[in-house]
C-alpha atoms as a PDB file:
ATOM      1  CA  TRP A   1      22.916 155.020  11.909  1.00  0.00           C
ATOM      2  CA  HIS A   2      25.605 153.372   9.840  1.00  0.00           C
ATOM      3  CA  LEU A   3      23.819 150.012   9.718  1.00  0.00           C
ATOM      4  CA  PRO A   4      21.934 150.603   6.420  1.00  0.00           C
ATOM      5  CA  ARG A   5      25.191 151.515   4.659  1.00  0.00           C
ATOM      6  CA  ALA A   6      27.049 148.605   6.225  1.00  0.00           C
ATOM      7  CA  MET A   7      24.312 146.195   5.165  1.00  0.00           C
ATOM      8  CA  VAL A   8      24.437 147.435   1.563  1.00  0.00           C
ATOM      9  CA  GLU A   9      28.221 147.108   1.431  1.00  0.00           C
ATOM     10  CA  ILE A  10      28.375 143.668   3.065  1.00  0.00           C
ATOM     11  CA  GLU A  11      25.445 142.244   1.079  1.00  0.00           C
ATOM     12  CA  HIS A  12      27.226 143.314  -2.099  1.00  0.00           C
ATOM     13  CA  GLN A  13      30.401 141.493  -1.070  1.00  0.00           C
ATOM     14  CA  LEU A  14      28.666 138.422   0.396  1.00  0.00           C
ATOM     15  CA  PRO A  15      25.490 137.890  -1.669  1.00  0.00           C
ATOM     16  CA  ASP A  16      24.982 134.283  -0.548  1.00  0.00           C
ATOM     17  CA  ILE A  17      25.120 135.037   3.179  1.00  0.00           C
ATOM     18  CA  LYS A  18      21.991 135.883   5.180  1.00  0.00           C
ATOM     19  CA  LEU A  19      22.748 138.913   7.304  1.00  0.00           C
ATOM     20  CA  ILE A  20      20.810 139.703  10.448  1.00  0.00           C
ATOM     21  CA  PRO A  21      21.149 143.349  11.463  1.00  0.00           C
ATOM     22  CA  TYR A  22      21.379 144.145  15.153  1.00  0.00           C
ATOM     23  CA  PRO A  23      21.225 147.896  15.683  1.00  0.00           C
ATOM     24  CA  VAL A  24      22.447 149.460  18.894  1.00  0.00           C
ATOM     25  CA  ILE A  25      20.773 152.734  19.805  1.00  0.00           C
ATOM     26  CA  SER A  26      22.757 155.250  21.817  1.00  0.00           C
ATOM     27  CA  GLU A  27      21.276 156.575  25.035  1.00  0.00           C
ATOM     28  CA  LYS A  28      21.477 160.116  23.671  1.00  0.00           C
ATOM     29  CA  LEU A  29      19.149 159.268  20.788  1.00  0.00           C
ATOM     30  CA  LYS A  30      16.819 157.391  23.114  1.00  0.00           C
ATOM     31  CA  ASN A  31      16.458 160.377  25.429  1.00  0.00           C
ATOM     32  CA  GLU A  32      16.160 163.249  22.965  1.00  0.00           C
ATOM     33  CA  PRO A  33      14.927 163.524  19.385  1.00  0.00           C
ATOM     34  CA  TRP A  34      17.655 163.749  16.727  1.00  0.00           C
ATOM     35  CA  TRP A  35      16.324 167.070  15.423  1.00  0.00           C
ATOM     36  CA  SER A  36      16.811 168.763  18.789  1.00  0.00           C
ATOM     37  CA  SER A  37      20.589 168.682  18.406  1.00  0.00           C
ATOM     38  CA  LEU A  38      22.303 170.285  15.411  1.00  0.00           C
ATOM     39  CA  GLU A  39      25.335 168.056  15.981  1.00  0.00           C
ATOM     40  CA  THR A  40      23.237 164.878  15.898  1.00  0.00           C
ATOM     41  CA  ALA A  41      21.244 166.066  12.872  1.00  0.00           C
ATOM     42  CA  ARG A  42      24.490 166.800  10.987  1.00  0.00           C
ATOM     43  CA  PHE A  43      25.883 163.396  11.901  1.00  0.00           C
ATOM     44  CA  LEU A  44      22.759 161.575  10.729  1.00  0.00           C
ATOM     45  CA  PHE A  45      22.646 163.624   7.530  1.00  0.00           C
ATOM     46  CA  ALA A  46      26.292 162.748   6.814  1.00  0.00           C
ATOM     47  CA  GLU A  47      25.531 159.056   7.363  1.00  0.00           C
ATOM     48  CA  TYR A  48      22.579 159.299   4.983  1.00  0.00           C
ATOM     49  CA  VAL A  49      24.745 160.932   2.311  1.00  0.00           C
ATOM     50  CA  LYS A  50      27.350 158.157   2.727  1.00  0.00           C
ATOM     51  CA  TYR A  51      24.545 155.600   2.347  1.00  0.00           C
ATOM     52  CA  LEU A  52      23.397 157.244  -0.896  1.00  0.00           C
ATOM     53  CA  PHE A  53      26.966 157.263  -2.228  1.00  0.00           C
ATOM     54  CA  ALA A  54      27.355 153.578  -1.348  1.00  0.00           C
ATOM     55  CA  GLN A  55      24.130 152.762  -3.178  1.00  0.00           C
ATOM     56  CA  ALA A  56      25.220 154.759  -6.227  1.00  0.00           C
ATOM     57  CA  ARG A  57      28.698 153.212  -6.262  1.00  0.00           C
ATOM     58  CA  LEU A  58      27.329 149.689  -6.044  1.00  0.00           C
ATOM     59  CA  HIS A  59      24.791 150.451  -8.776  1.00  0.00           C
ATOM     60  CA  LEU A  60      27.588 151.710 -11.021  1.00  0.00           C
ATOM     61  CA  ASP A  61      29.735 148.646 -10.211  1.00  0.00           C
ATOM     62  CA  THR A  62      26.834 146.398 -11.200  1.00  0.00           C
ATOM     63  CA  ALA A  63      26.249 148.375 -14.399  1.00  0.00           C
ATOM     64  CA  ASP A  64      29.931 148.054 -15.318  1.00  0.00           C
ATOM     65  CA  LEU A  65      29.760 144.271 -14.874  1.00  0.00           C
ATOM     66  CA  ALA A  66      26.742 144.031 -17.180  1.00  0.00           C
ATOM     67  CA  GLU A  67      28.617 145.650 -20.090  1.00  0.00           C
END
């Protein structure tokens, strides 16, 4: 769940390196859908929000460099 955010952050810092993501899925998510647990849904939502903030921050950093 944190892999998309990690990839964005690392690709920004190491643009010339080819990254190969290797996600690891927890047994809990394999055995039950994420929406069946409020705790899991909150966790995934928080990770998504952090991903959006990372994207926005990197976009603003890039915009600052262009000026």
